[in-house]
Amino acid sequence: MQHAMFGQRLWDFSLPAGIIGLSLIGIAIAAVLAAMWPARRAARTNMLAAIASE
């Protein structure tokens, strides 16, 4: 709204590349950390016991 009120077009905006890069790195780190917990839990599970309980 502020851009429209000052006579600027709404699609004229800038986002520094550094912010995009840091965001992507942060998302990648969060994804790896979120995937590690179930992977470690699955690695510790006894396969024969897991098959027998199903």
N, C-alpha and C. Protein backbone atom coordinates (compact mmCIF):
# COMPACT_ATOMS: atom_id res chain seq x y z
N MET A 1 0.82 -1.19 0.00
CA MET A 1 0.00 0.00 0.00
C MET A 1 0.87 1.25 0.00
N GLN A 2 1.97 1.20 0.72
CA GLN A 2 2.81 2.37 0.80
C GLN A 2 3.40 2.73 -0.57
N HIS A 3 3.79 1.70 -1.34
CA HIS A 3 4.32 1.95 -2.68
C HIS A 3 3.25 2.59 -3.57
N ALA A 4 2.04 2.09 -3.48
CA ALA A 4 0.96 2.63 -4.31
C ALA A 4 0.63 4.06 -3.90
N MET A 5 0.70 4.35 -2.63
CA MET A 5 0.36 5.69 -2.17
C MET A 5 1.40 6.72 -2.61
N PHE A 6 2.65 6.31 -2.76
CA PHE A 6 3.70 7.23 -3.18
C PHE A 6 3.88 7.26 -4.69
N GLY A 7 2.99 6.61 -5.43
CA GLY A 7 3.04 6.66 -6.88
C GLY A 7 4.00 5.66 -7.50
N GLN A 8 4.52 4.74 -6.73
CA GLN A 8 5.41 3.72 -7.27
C GLN A 8 4.59 2.49 -7.62
N ARG A 9 5.07 1.77 -8.61
CA ARG A 9 4.38 0.53 -8.98
C ARG A 9 4.63 -0.54 -7.91
N LEU A 10 3.66 -1.40 -7.72
CA LEU A 10 3.76 -2.42 -6.67
C LEU A 10 4.83 -3.46 -6.97
N TRP A 11 5.12 -3.73 -8.22
CA TRP A 11 6.08 -4.78 -8.55
C TRP A 11 7.51 -4.26 -8.59
N ASP A 12 7.74 -3.00 -8.31
CA ASP A 12 9.09 -2.45 -8.21
C ASP A 12 9.57 -2.56 -6.76
N PHE A 13 10.31 -3.59 -6.48
CA PHE A 13 10.88 -3.76 -5.15
C PHE A 13 12.24 -4.42 -5.31
N SER A 14 13.04 -4.34 -4.30
CA SER A 14 14.36 -4.97 -4.34
C SER A 14 14.56 -5.78 -3.07
N LEU A 15 15.22 -6.89 -3.23
CA LEU A 15 15.55 -7.76 -2.11
C LEU A 15 17.02 -8.12 -2.26
N PRO A 16 17.84 -7.76 -1.31
CA PRO A 16 19.27 -8.04 -1.44
C PRO A 16 19.55 -9.53 -1.58
N ALA A 17 20.53 -9.86 -2.41
CA ALA A 17 20.88 -11.26 -2.65
C ALA A 17 21.40 -11.92 -1.38
N GLY A 18 22.02 -11.17 -0.51
CA GLY A 18 22.52 -11.73 0.75
C GLY A 18 21.41 -12.29 1.62
N ILE A 19 20.29 -11.61 1.66
CA ILE A 19 19.16 -12.08 2.45
C ILE A 19 18.61 -13.38 1.87
N ILE A 20 18.52 -13.44 0.56
CA ILE A 20 18.04 -14.67 -0.08
C ILE A 20 19.00 -15.81 0.20
N GLY A 21 20.30 -15.56 0.09
CA GLY A 21 21.30 -16.60 0.35
C GLY A 21 21.26 -17.10 1.77
N LEU A 22 21.20 -16.17 2.73
CA LEU A 22 21.13 -16.58 4.13
C LEU A 22 19.85 -17.35 4.44
N SER A 23 18.77 -16.95 3.80
CA SER A 23 17.51 -17.67 4.01
C SER A 23 17.60 -19.10 3.49
N LEU A 24 18.17 -19.26 2.31
CA LEU A 24 18.31 -20.61 1.75
C LEU A 24 19.24 -21.48 2.60
N ILE A 25 20.32 -20.90 3.09
CA ILE A 25 21.23 -21.66 3.96
C ILE A 25 20.53 -22.04 5.26
N GLY A 26 19.77 -21.11 5.84
CA GLY A 26 19.04 -21.41 7.06
C GLY A 26 18.00 -22.50 6.86
N ILE A 27 17.31 -22.45 5.73
CA ILE A 27 16.31 -23.47 5.43
C ILE A 27 16.97 -24.84 5.25
N ALA A 28 18.12 -24.86 4.58
CA ALA A 28 18.83 -26.13 4.38
C ALA A 28 19.30 -26.72 5.71
N ILE A 29 19.81 -25.87 6.59
CA ILE A 29 20.26 -26.36 7.91
C ILE A 29 19.07 -26.89 8.71
N ALA A 30 17.96 -26.18 8.68
CA ALA A 30 16.76 -26.63 9.40
C ALA A 30 16.26 -27.96 8.85
N ALA A 31 16.32 -28.12 7.53
CA ALA A 31 15.86 -29.38 6.92
C ALA A 31 16.75 -30.54 7.32
N VAL A 32 18.05 -30.33 7.34
CA VAL A 32 18.97 -31.40 7.73
C VAL A 32 18.76 -31.78 9.19
N LEU A 33 18.63 -30.79 10.05
CA LEU A 33 18.40 -31.08 11.47
C LEU A 33 17.06 -31.78 11.69
N ALA A 34 16.04 -31.39 10.95
CA ALA A 34 14.73 -32.03 11.10
C ALA A 34 14.75 -33.46 10.60
N ALA A 35 15.60 -33.76 9.64
CA ALA A 35 15.68 -35.12 9.10
C ALA A 35 16.57 -36.03 9.93
N MET A 36 17.45 -35.46 10.73
CA MET A 36 18.38 -36.28 11.49
C MET A 36 17.70 -37.07 12.61
N TRP A 37 16.71 -36.50 13.28
CA TRP A 37 16.07 -37.20 14.40
C TRP A 37 15.39 -38.49 13.95
N PRO A 38 14.51 -38.49 12.95
CA PRO A 38 13.92 -39.76 12.56
C PRO A 38 14.93 -40.73 11.95
N ALA A 39 15.96 -40.21 11.29
CA ALA A 39 16.97 -41.09 10.70
C ALA A 39 17.77 -41.79 11.79
N ARG A 40 18.15 -41.06 12.82
CA ARG A 40 18.89 -41.70 13.93
C ARG A 40 18.02 -42.71 14.65
N ARG A 41 16.74 -42.38 14.81
CA ARG A 41 15.83 -43.30 15.49
C ARG A 41 15.65 -44.58 14.67
N ALA A 42 15.54 -44.44 13.37
CA ALA A 42 15.40 -45.61 12.50
C ALA A 42 16.68 -46.44 12.48
N ALA A 43 17.83 -45.79 12.55
CA ALA A 43 19.09 -46.52 12.54
C ALA A 43 19.28 -47.33 13.82
N ARG A 44 18.72 -46.87 14.92
CA ARG A 44 18.86 -47.58 16.20
C ARG A 44 17.83 -48.70 16.38
N THR A 45 16.81 -48.73 15.53
CA THR A 45 15.74 -49.71 15.68
C THR A 45 16.21 -51.09 15.22
N ASN A 46 15.90 -52.09 16.02
CA ASN A 46 16.19 -53.47 15.63
C ASN A 46 15.22 -53.86 14.52
N MET A 47 15.75 -54.22 13.36
CA MET A 47 14.89 -54.50 12.21
C MET A 47 13.99 -55.70 12.44
N LEU A 48 14.51 -56.74 13.02
CA LEU A 48 13.71 -57.95 13.23
C LEU A 48 12.57 -57.69 14.22
N ALA A 49 12.84 -56.90 15.25
CA ALA A 49 11.79 -56.57 16.21
C ALA A 49 10.73 -55.69 15.56
N ALA A 50 11.15 -54.77 14.70
CA ALA A 50 10.19 -53.90 14.03
C ALA A 50 9.31 -54.69 13.06
N ILE A 51 9.90 -55.64 12.36
CA ILE A 51 9.11 -56.47 11.43
C ILE A 51 8.14 -57.37 12.20
N ALA A 52 8.59 -57.91 13.31
CA ALA A 52 7.76 -58.82 14.09
C ALA A 52 6.57 -58.09 14.73
N SER A 53 6.71 -56.81 15.04
CA SER A 53 5.62 -56.11 15.69
C SER A 53 4.56 -55.65 14.73
N GLU A 54 4.82 -55.65 13.46
CA GLU A 54 3.84 -55.19 12.46
C GLU A 54 2.82 -56.25 12.22
